[in-house]
């Protein structure tokens, strides 16, 4: 699990540079986004390599941020989990 967690942290660290290439949507509804999302297709990302049954669950925290829990099943049947948080709003 440590390699998965380490790669997830690295991905989060480089995400601001990647995010500058994209424009956020204007009519985003956080309420519609919250809940569990099931992966039906993926772009190759190293931290999901070898995982199946991948999900991402988004929930609103008491501080207004969004809790993110990513889960997947490794080839050996064990679960891999990564926790994070996101802030809804304009990128700075």
PDB file of N, CA and C in Angstrom:
ATOM      1  N   UNK A   1       0.824  -1.191   0.000  1.00  0.00           N
ATOM      2  CA  UNK A   1       0.000   0.000   0.000  1.00  0.00           C
ATOM      3  C   UNK A   1       0.870   1.257   0.000  1.00  0.00           C
ATOM      4  N   UNK A   2       2.065   1.203   0.582  1.00  0.00           N
ATOM      5  CA  UNK A   2       2.912   2.383   0.622  1.00  0.00           C
ATOM      6  C   UNK A   2       3.257   2.919  -0.764  1.00  0.00           C
ATOM      7  N   UNK A   3       3.600   2.049  -1.750  1.00  0.00           N
ATOM      8  CA  UNK A   3       3.872   2.589  -3.086  1.00  0.00           C
ATOM      9  C   UNK A   3       2.651   3.299  -3.677  1.00  0.00           C
ATOM     10  N   UNK A   4       1.461   2.732  -3.478  1.00  0.00           N
ATOM     11  CA  UNK A   4       0.230   3.349  -3.987  1.00  0.00           C
ATOM     12  C   UNK A   4       0.032   4.720  -3.349  1.00  0.00           C
ATOM     13  N   UNK A   5       0.198   4.798  -2.034  1.00  0.00           N
ATOM     14  CA  UNK A   5       0.022   6.053  -1.311  1.00  0.00           C
ATOM     15  C   UNK A   5       1.062   7.084  -1.752  1.00  0.00           C
ATOM     16  N   UNK A   6       2.316   6.654  -1.886  1.00  0.00           N
ATOM     17  CA  UNK A   6       3.389   7.559  -2.312  1.00  0.00           C
ATOM     18  C   UNK A   6       3.108   8.125  -3.702  1.00  0.00           C
ATOM     19  N   UNK A   7       2.675   7.273  -4.614  1.00  0.00           N
ATOM     20  CA  UNK A   7       2.382   7.743  -5.968  1.00  0.00           C
ATOM     21  C   UNK A   7       1.176   8.677  -5.984  1.00  0.00           C
ATOM     22  N   UNK A   8       0.200   8.419  -5.128  1.00  0.00           N
ATOM     23  CA  UNK A   8      -0.957   9.310  -5.042  1.00  0.00           C
ATOM     24  C   UNK A   8      -0.528  10.690  -4.559  1.00  0.00           C
ATOM     25  N   UNK A   9       0.380  10.753  -3.596  1.00  0.00           N
ATOM     26  CA  UNK A   9       0.893  12.037  -3.091  1.00  0.00           C
ATOM     27  C   UNK A   9       1.657  12.769  -4.184  1.00  0.00           C
ATOM     28  N   UNK A  10       2.466  12.058  -4.937  1.00  0.00           N
ATOM     29  CA  UNK A  10       3.216  12.672  -6.041  1.00  0.00           C
ATOM     30  C   UNK A  10       2.250  13.232  -7.075  1.00  0.00           C
ATOM     31  N   UNK A  11       1.209  12.466  -7.396  1.00  0.00           N
ATOM     32  CA  UNK A  11       0.215  12.939  -8.371  1.00  0.00           C
ATOM     33  C   UNK A  11      -0.458  14.214  -7.885  1.00  0.00           C
ATOM     34  N   UNK A  12      -0.765  14.281  -6.598  1.00  0.00           N
ATOM     35  CA  UNK A  12      -1.385  15.489  -6.050  1.00  0.00           C
ATOM     36  C   UNK A  12      -0.420  16.676  -6.080  1.00  0.00           C
ATOM     37  N   UNK A  13       0.862  16.405  -5.909  1.00  0.00           N
ATOM     38  CA  UNK A  13       1.855  17.481  -5.903  1.00  0.00           C
ATOM     39  C   UNK A  13       2.028  18.110  -7.282  1.00  0.00           C
ATOM     40  N   UNK A  14       1.936  17.315  -8.327  1.00  0.00           N
ATOM     41  CA  UNK A  14       2.114  17.849  -9.675  1.00  0.00           C
ATOM     42  C   UNK A  14       0.802  18.316 -10.294  1.00  0.00           C
ATOM     43  N   UNK A  15      -0.314  18.029  -9.654  1.00  0.00           N
ATOM     44  CA  UNK A  15      -1.612  18.378 -10.245  1.00  0.00           C
ATOM     45  C   UNK A  15      -1.818  19.872 -10.465  1.00  0.00           C
ATOM     46  N   UNK A  16      -1.285  20.794  -9.618  1.00  0.00           N
ATOM     47  CA  UNK A  16      -1.480  22.216  -9.924  1.00  0.00           C
ATOM     48  C   UNK A  16      -0.895  22.621 -11.276  1.00  0.00           C
ATOM     49  N   UNK A  17       0.253  22.067 -11.641  1.00  0.00           N
ATOM     50  CA  UNK A  17       0.859  22.387 -12.938  1.00  0.00           C
ATOM     51  C   UNK A  17       0.002  21.856 -14.074  1.00  0.00           C
ATOM     52  N   UNK A  18      -0.546  20.683 -13.897  1.00  0.00           N
ATOM     53  CA  UNK A  18      -1.405  20.097 -14.920  1.00  0.00           C
ATOM     54  C   UNK A  18      -2.726  20.856 -15.004  1.00  0.00           C
ATOM     55  N   UNK A  19      -3.255  21.258 -13.853  1.00  0.00           N
ATOM     56  CA  UNK A  19      -4.559  21.934 -13.802  1.00  0.00           C
ATOM     57  C   UNK A  19      -4.550  23.272 -14.538  1.00  0.00           C
ATOM     58  N   UNK A  20      -3.406  23.914 -14.671  1.00  0.00           N
ATOM     59  CA  UNK A  20      -3.333  25.195 -15.360  1.00  0.00           C
ATOM     60  C   UNK A  20      -3.710  25.077 -16.836  1.00  0.00           C
ATOM     61  N   UNK A  21      -3.689  23.884 -17.394  1.00  0.00           N
ATOM     62  CA  UNK A  21      -4.014  23.673 -18.802  1.00  0.00           C
ATOM     63  C   UNK A  21      -5.510  23.557 -19.040  1.00  0.00           C
ATOM     64  N   UNK A  22      -6.308  23.499 -17.974  1.00  0.00           N
ATOM     65  CA  UNK A  22      -7.742  23.262 -18.097  1.00  0.00           C
ATOM     66  C   UNK A  22      -8.545  24.436 -17.549  1.00  0.00           C
ATOM     67  N   UNK A  23      -9.728  24.620 -18.100  1.00  0.00           N
ATOM     68  CA  UNK A  23     -10.636  25.654 -17.634  1.00  0.00           C
ATOM     69  C   UNK A  23     -11.786  24.990 -16.882  1.00  0.00           C
ATOM     70  N   UNK A  24     -12.067  25.403 -15.637  1.00  0.00           N
ATOM     71  CA  UNK A  24     -13.167  24.778 -14.903  1.00  0.00           C
ATOM     72  C   UNK A  24     -14.521  25.137 -15.496  1.00  0.00           C
ATOM     73  N   UNK A  25     -15.485  24.263 -15.304  1.00  0.00           N
ATOM     74  CA  UNK A  25     -16.836  24.523 -15.800  1.00  0.00           C
ATOM     75  C   UNK A  25     -17.491  25.609 -14.951  1.00  0.00           C
ATOM     76  N   UNK A  26     -18.443  26.322 -15.551  1.00  0.00           N
ATOM     77  CA  UNK A  26     -19.112  27.411 -14.841  1.00  0.00           C
ATOM     78  C   UNK A  26     -20.319  26.941 -14.039  1.00  0.00           C
ATOM     79  N   UNK A  27     -20.991  25.895 -14.469  1.00  0.00           N
ATOM     80  CA  UNK A  27     -22.231  25.479 -13.829  1.00  0.00           C
ATOM     81  C   UNK A  27     -22.071  24.178 -13.046  1.00  0.00           C
ATOM     82  N   UNK A  28     -20.955  24.007 -12.377  1.00  0.00           N
ATOM     83  CA  UNK A  28     -20.667  22.788 -11.625  1.00  0.00           C
ATOM     84  C   UNK A  28     -21.584  22.685 -10.410  1.00  0.00           C
ATOM     85  N   UNK A  29     -22.190  21.511 -10.211  1.00  0.00           N
ATOM     86  CA  UNK A  29     -23.058  21.262  -9.063  1.00  0.00           C
ATOM     87  C   UNK A  29     -22.375  20.277  -8.127  1.00  0.00           C
ATOM     88  N   UNK A  30     -21.890  20.763  -7.000  1.00  0.00           N
ATOM     89  CA  UNK A  30     -21.204  19.896  -6.046  1.00  0.00           C
ATOM     90  C   UNK A  30     -22.138  18.805  -5.531  1.00  0.00           C
ATOM     91  N   UNK A  31     -23.392  19.120  -5.298  1.00  0.00           N
ATOM     92  CA  UNK A  31     -24.347  18.121  -4.795  1.00  0.00           C
ATOM     93  C   UNK A  31     -24.477  16.928  -5.741  1.00  0.00           C
ATOM     94  N   UNK A  32     -24.444  17.172  -7.040  1.00  0.00           N
ATOM     95  CA  UNK A  32     -24.543  16.084  -8.014  1.00  0.00           C
ATOM     96  C   UNK A  32     -23.250  15.275  -8.095  1.00  0.00           C
ATOM     97  N   UNK A  33     -22.141  15.871  -7.699  1.00  0.00           N
ATOM     98  CA  UNK A  33     -20.824  15.236  -7.778  1.00  0.00           C
ATOM     99  C   UNK A  33     -20.567  14.306  -6.593  1.00  0.00           C
ATOM    100  N   UNK A  34     -21.146  14.620  -5.431  1.00  0.00           N
ATOM    101  CA  UNK A  34     -20.902  13.846  -4.222  1.00  0.00           C
ATOM    102  C   UNK A  34     -21.454  12.430  -4.367  1.00  0.00           C
ATOM    103  N   UNK A  35     -20.790  11.484  -3.717  1.00  0.00           N
ATOM    104  CA  UNK A  35     -21.221  10.092  -3.756  1.00  0.00           C
ATOM    105  C   UNK A  35     -20.133   9.189  -4.301  1.00  0.00           C
ATOM    106  N   UNK A  36     -20.485   7.958  -4.617  1.00  0.00           N
ATOM    107  CA  UNK A  36     -19.524   6.981  -5.121  1.00  0.00           C
ATOM    108  C   UNK A  36     -19.583   6.933  -6.639  1.00  0.00           C
ATOM    109  N   UNK A  37     -18.406   6.970  -7.243  1.00  0.00           N
ATOM    110  CA  UNK A  37     -18.256   6.891  -8.695  1.00  0.00           C
ATOM    111  C   UNK A  37     -17.493   5.616  -9.018  1.00  0.00           C
ATOM    112  N   UNK A  38     -17.978   4.895 -10.020  1.00  0.00           N
ATOM    113  CA  UNK A  38     -17.352   3.642 -10.436  1.00  0.00           C
ATOM    114  C   UNK A  38     -16.596   3.857 -11.736  1.00  0.00           C
ATOM    115  N   UNK A  39     -15.397   3.331 -11.786  1.00  0.00           N
ATOM    116  CA  UNK A  39     -14.570   3.479 -12.973  1.00  0.00           C
ATOM    117  C   UNK A  39     -15.042   2.510 -14.056  1.00  0.00           C
ATOM    118  N   UNK A  40     -15.337   3.063 -15.223  1.00  0.00           N
ATOM    119  CA  UNK A  40     -15.723   2.210 -16.347  1.00  0.00           C
ATOM    120  C   UNK A  40     -14.666   2.228 -17.449  1.00  0.00           C
ATOM    121  N   UNK A  41     -13.768   3.192 -17.385  1.00  0.00           N
ATOM    122  CA  UNK A  41     -12.642   3.290 -18.321  1.00  0.00           C
ATOM    123  C   UNK A  41     -11.582   4.151 -17.651  1.00  0.00           C
ATOM    124  N   UNK A  42     -10.346   4.035 -18.105  1.00  0.00           N
ATOM    125  CA  UNK A  42      -9.294   4.863 -17.492  1.00  0.00           C
ATOM    126  C   UNK A  42      -8.203   5.192 -18.478  1.00  0.00           C
ATOM    127  N   UNK A  43      -7.593   6.313 -18.237  1.00  0.00           N
ATOM    128  CA  UNK A  43      -6.344   6.661 -18.896  1.00  0.00           C
ATOM    129  C   UNK A  43      -5.259   5.994 -18.063  1.00  0.00           C
ATOM    130  N   UNK A  44      -4.169   5.564 -18.669  1.00  0.00           N
ATOM    131  CA  UNK A  44      -3.122   4.892 -17.889  1.00  0.00           C
ATOM    132  C   UNK A  44      -2.502   5.831 -16.848  1.00  0.00           C
ATOM    133  N   UNK A  45      -2.648   5.475 -15.594  1.00  0.00           N
ATOM    134  CA  UNK A  45      -1.998   6.202 -14.499  1.00  0.00           C
ATOM    135  C   UNK A  45      -1.301   5.170 -13.625  1.00  0.00           C
ATOM    136  N   UNK A  46      -0.082   5.457 -13.249  1.00  0.00           N
ATOM    137  CA  UNK A  46       0.747   4.461 -12.566  1.00  0.00           C
ATOM    138  C   UNK A  46       0.163   4.011 -11.232  1.00  0.00           C
ATOM    139  N   UNK A  47      -0.498   4.899 -10.487  1.00  0.00           N
ATOM    140  CA  UNK A  47      -0.976   4.496  -9.169  1.00  0.00           C
ATOM    141  C   UNK A  47      -2.215   3.605  -9.216  1.00  0.00           C
ATOM    142  N   UNK A  48      -2.827   3.419 -10.401  1.00  0.00           N
ATOM    143  CA  UNK A  48      -3.943   2.487 -10.540  1.00  0.00           C
ATOM    144  C   UNK A  48      -3.537   1.208 -11.273  1.00  0.00           C
ATOM    145  N   UNK A  49      -2.267   1.106 -11.620  1.00  0.00           N
ATOM    146  CA  UNK A  49      -1.813  -0.065 -12.373  1.00  0.00           C
ATOM    147  C   UNK A  49      -2.067  -1.340 -11.568  1.00  0.00           C
ATOM    148  N   UNK A  50      -2.699  -2.311 -12.218  1.00  0.00           N
ATOM    149  CA  UNK A  50      -2.968  -3.583 -11.577  1.00  0.00           C
ATOM    150  C   UNK A  50      -4.207  -3.602 -10.703  1.00  0.00           C
ATOM    151  N   UNK A  51      -4.904  -2.484 -10.572  1.00  0.00           N
ATOM    152  CA  UNK A  51      -6.109  -2.444  -9.744  1.00  0.00           C
ATOM    153  C   UNK A  51      -7.348  -2.722 -10.579  1.00  0.00           C
ATOM    154  N   UNK A  52      -8.321  -3.338  -9.959  1.00  0.00           N
ATOM    155  CA  UNK A  52      -9.629  -3.534 -10.577  1.00  0.00           C
ATOM    156  C   UNK A  52     -10.685  -3.021  -9.606  1.00  0.00           C
ATOM    157  N   UNK A  53     -11.906  -2.941 -10.062  1.00  0.00           N
ATOM    158  CA  UNK A  53     -13.025  -2.487  -9.224  1.00  0.00           C
ATOM    159  C   UNK A  53     -12.718  -1.148  -8.555  1.00  0.00           C
ATOM    160  N   UNK A  54     -12.195  -0.209  -9.334  1.00  0.00           N
ATOM    161  CA  UNK A  54     -11.776   1.085  -8.808  1.00  0.00           C
ATOM    162  C   UNK A  54     -12.987   1.997  -8.613  1.00  0.00           C
ATOM    163  N   UNK A  55     -13.039   2.636  -7.429  1.00  0.00           N
ATOM    164  CA  UNK A  55     -14.090   3.606  -7.128  1.00  0.00           C
ATOM    165  C   UNK A  55     -13.466   4.856  -6.516  1.00  0.00           C
ATOM    166  N   UNK A  56     -14.205   5.938  -6.592  1.00  0.00           N
ATOM    167  CA  UNK A  56     -13.854   7.175  -5.901  1.00  0.00           C
ATOM    168  C   UNK A  56     -15.122   7.643  -5.203  1.00  0.00           C
ATOM    169  N   UNK A  57     -15.020   7.926  -3.907  1.00  0.00           N
ATOM    170  CA  UNK A  57     -16.167   8.384  -3.127  1.00  0.00           C
ATOM    171  C   UNK A  57     -15.883   9.791  -2.633  1.00  0.00           C
ATOM    172  N   UNK A  58     -16.800  10.711  -2.934  1.00  0.00           N
ATOM    173  CA  UNK A  58     -16.670  12.111  -2.566  1.00  0.00           C
ATOM    174  C   UNK A  58     -17.761  12.456  -1.556  1.00  0.00           C
ATOM    175  N   UNK A  59     -17.371  13.089  -0.449  1.00  0.00           N
ATOM    176  CA  UNK A  59     -18.347  13.506   0.563  1.00  0.00           C
ATOM    177  C   UNK A  59     -17.950  14.865   1.118  1.00  0.00           C
ATOM    178  N   UNK A  60     -18.931  15.609   1.554  1.00  0.00           N
ATOM    179  CA  UNK A  60     -18.702  16.948   2.081  1.00  0.00           C
ATOM    180  C   UNK A  60     -18.261  16.851   3.542  1.00  0.00           C
ATOM    181  N   UNK A  61     -17.189  17.534   3.873  1.00  0.00           N
ATOM    182  CA  UNK A  61     -16.674  17.563   5.240  1.00  0.00           C
ATOM    183  C   UNK A  61     -17.290  18.727   6.009  1.00  0.00           C
ATOM    184  N   UNK A  62     -17.147  18.716   7.315  1.00  0.00           N
ATOM    185  CA  UNK A  62     -17.677  19.796   8.154  1.00  0.00           C
ATOM    186  C   UNK A  62     -17.021  21.143   7.866  1.00  0.00           C
ATOM    187  N   UNK A  63     -15.766  21.130   7.378  1.00  0.00           N
ATOM    188  CA  UNK A  63     -15.059  22.379   7.098  1.00  0.00           C
ATOM    189  C   UNK A  63     -15.324  22.910   5.687  1.00  0.00           C
ATOM    190  N   UNK A  64     -16.246  22.269   4.962  1.00  0.00           N
ATOM    191  CA  UNK A  64     -16.598  22.736   3.620  1.00  0.00           C
ATOM    192  C   UNK A  64     -15.768  22.124   2.511  1.00  0.00           C
ATOM    193  N   UNK A  65     -14.716  21.414   2.863  1.00  0.00           N
ATOM    194  CA  UNK A  65     -13.905  20.750   1.854  1.00  0.00           C
ATOM    195  C   UNK A  65     -14.555  19.413   1.488  1.00  0.00           C
ATOM    196  N   UNK A  66     -14.024  18.781   0.462  1.00  0.00           N
ATOM    197  CA  UNK A  66     -14.556  17.513  -0.013  1.00  0.00           C
ATOM    198  C   UNK A  66     -13.575  16.406   0.335  1.00  0.00           C
ATOM    199  N   UNK A  67     -14.072  15.372   1.002  1.00  0.00           N
ATOM    200  CA  UNK A  67     -13.267  14.196   1.311  1.00  0.00           C
ATOM    201  C   UNK A  67     -13.286  13.279   0.093  1.00  0.00           C
ATOM    202  N   UNK A  68     -12.112  12.742  -0.249  1.00  0.00           N
ATOM    203  CA  UNK A  68     -11.984  11.850  -1.404  1.00  0.00           C
ATOM    204  C   UNK A  68     -11.376  10.535  -0.920  1.00  0.00           C
ATOM    205  N   UNK A  69     -12.059   9.428  -1.201  1.00  0.00           N
ATOM    206  CA  UNK A  69     -11.527   8.108  -0.865  1.00  0.00           C
ATOM    207  C   UNK A  69     -11.506   7.288  -2.147  1.00  0.00           C
ATOM    208  N   UNK A  70     -10.303   6.939  -2.590  1.00  0.00           N
ATOM    209  CA  UNK A  70     -10.124   6.110  -3.777  1.00  0.00           C
ATOM    210  C   UNK A  70      -9.828   4.685  -3.331  1.00  0.00           C
ATOM    211  N   UNK A  71     -10.534   3.716  -3.937  1.00  0.00           N
ATOM    212  CA  UNK A  71     -10.355   2.315  -3.584  1.00  0.00           C
ATOM    213  C   UNK A  71     -10.198   1.479  -4.850  1.00  0.00           C
ATOM    214  N   UNK A  72      -9.443   0.412  -4.710  1.00  0.00           N
ATOM    215  CA  UNK A  72      -9.303  -0.551  -5.790  1.00  0.00           C
ATOM    216  C   UNK A  72      -8.853  -1.879  -5.221  1.00  0.00           C
ATOM    217  N   UNK A  73      -8.981  -2.924  -6.004  1.00  0.00           N
ATOM    218  CA  UNK A  73      -8.585  -4.261  -5.568  1.00  0.00           C
ATOM    219  C   UNK A  73      -7.328  -4.663  -6.333  1.00  0.00           C
ATOM    220  N   UNK A  74      -6.299  -5.041  -5.572  1.00  0.00           N
ATOM    221  CA  UNK A  74      -5.038  -5.495  -6.169  1.00  0.00           C
ATOM    222  C   UNK A  74      -5.210  -6.891  -6.745  1.00  0.00           C
ATOM    223  N   UNK A  75      -4.232  -7.298  -7.535  1.00  0.00           N
ATOM    224  CA  UNK A  75      -4.268  -8.635  -8.139  1.00  0.00           C
ATOM    225  C   UNK A  75      -4.304  -9.743  -7.092  1.00  0.00           C
ATOM    226  N   UNK A  76      -3.724  -9.490  -5.920  1.00  0.00           N
ATOM    227  CA  UNK A  76      -3.702 -10.496  -4.857  1.00  0.00           C
ATOM    228  C   UNK A  76      -4.999 -10.500  -4.043  1.00  0.00           C
ATOM    229  N   UNK A  77      -5.962  -9.650  -4.419  1.00  0.00           N
ATOM    230  CA  UNK A  77      -7.247  -9.610  -3.735  1.00  0.00           C
ATOM    231  C   UNK A  77      -7.332  -8.616  -2.594  1.00  0.00           C
ATOM    232  N   UNK A  78      -6.211  -8.014  -2.217  1.00  0.00           N
ATOM    233  CA  UNK A  78      -6.222  -7.030  -1.128  1.00  0.00           C
ATOM    234  C   UNK A  78      -6.656  -5.669  -1.653  1.00  0.00           C
ATOM    235  N   UNK A  79      -7.265  -4.901  -0.760  1.00  0.00           N
ATOM    236  CA  UNK A  79      -7.760  -3.580  -1.129  1.00  0.00           C
ATOM    237  C   UNK A  79      -6.662  -2.530  -0.995  1.00  0.00           C
ATOM    238  N   UNK A  80      -6.607  -1.624  -1.952  1.00  0.00           N
ATOM    239  CA  UNK A  80      -5.724  -0.462  -1.891  1.00  0.00           C
ATOM    240  C   UNK A  80      -6.617   0.762  -1.690  1.00  0.00           C
ATOM    241  N   UNK A  81      -6.256   1.627  -0.740  1.00  0.00           N
ATOM    242  CA  UNK A  81      -7.064   2.796  -0.413  1.00  0.00           C
ATOM    243  C   UNK A  81      -6.168   4.016  -0.318  1.00  0.00           C
ATOM    244  N   UNK A  82      -6.645   5.123  -0.873  1.00  0.00           N
ATOM    245  CA  UNK A  82      -5.946   6.405  -0.742  1.00  0.00           C
ATOM    246  C   UNK A  82      -6.980   7.452  -0.340  1.00  0.00           C
ATOM    247  N   UNK A  83      -6.640   8.244   0.665  1.00  0.00           N
ATOM    248  CA  UNK A  83      -7.537   9.291   1.155  1.00  0.00           C
ATOM    249  C   UNK A  83      -6.978  10.646   0.776  1.00  0.00           C
ATOM    250  N   UNK A  84      -7.874  11.568   0.512  1.00  0.00           N
ATOM    251  CA  UNK A  84      -7.461  12.930   0.194  1.00  0.00           C
ATOM    252  C   UNK A  84      -8.576  13.898   0.491  1.00  0.00           C
ATOM    253  N   UNK A  85      -8.325  15.158   0.197  1.00  0.00           N
ATOM    254  CA  UNK A  85      -9.362  16.174   0.334  1.00  0.00           C
ATOM    255  C   UNK A  85      -9.196  17.179  -0.777  1.00  0.00           C
ATOM    256  N   UNK A  86     -10.284  17.787  -1.127  1.00  0.00           N
ATOM    257  CA  UNK A  86     -10.286  18.779  -2.196  1.00  0.00           C
ATOM    258  C   UNK A  86     -11.063  19.994  -1.721  1.00  0.00           C
ATOM    259  N   UNK A  87     -10.774  21.114  -2.315  1.00  0.00           N
ATOM    260  CA  UNK A  87     -11.495  22.342  -1.989  1.00  0.00           C
ATOM    261  C   UNK A  87     -12.252  22.770  -3.236  1.00  0.00           C
ATOM    262  N   UNK A  88     -13.541  22.962  -3.092  1.00  0.00           N
ATOM    263  CA  UNK A  88     -14.361  23.407  -4.209  1.00  0.00           C
ATOM    264  C   UNK A  88     -14.189  24.908  -4.380  1.00  0.00           C
ATOM    265  N   UNK A  89     -13.932  25.332  -5.602  1.00  0.00           N
ATOM    266  CA  UNK A  89     -13.777  26.748  -5.881  1.00  0.00           C
ATOM    267  C   UNK A  89     -12.807  26.962  -7.009  1.00  0.00           C
ATOM    268  N   UNK A  90     -12.612  28.210  -7.339  1.00  0.00           N
ATOM    269  CA  UNK A  90     -11.730  28.569  -8.442  1.00  0.00           C
ATOM    270  C   UNK A  90     -10.286  28.261  -8.110  1.00  0.00           C
ATOM    271  N   UNK A  91      -9.553  27.759  -9.084  1.00  0.00           N
ATOM    272  CA  UNK A  91      -8.112  27.495  -8.903  1.00  0.00           C
ATOM    273  C   UNK A  91      -7.380  28.816  -8.836  1.00  0.00           C
ATOM    274  N   UNK A  92      -6.347  28.866  -8.027  1.00  0.00           N
ATOM    275  CA  UNK A  92      -5.555  30.092  -7.880  1.00  0.00           C
ATOM    276  C   UNK A  92      -4.196  29.899  -8.502  1.00  0.00           C
TER     277      UNK A  92
END
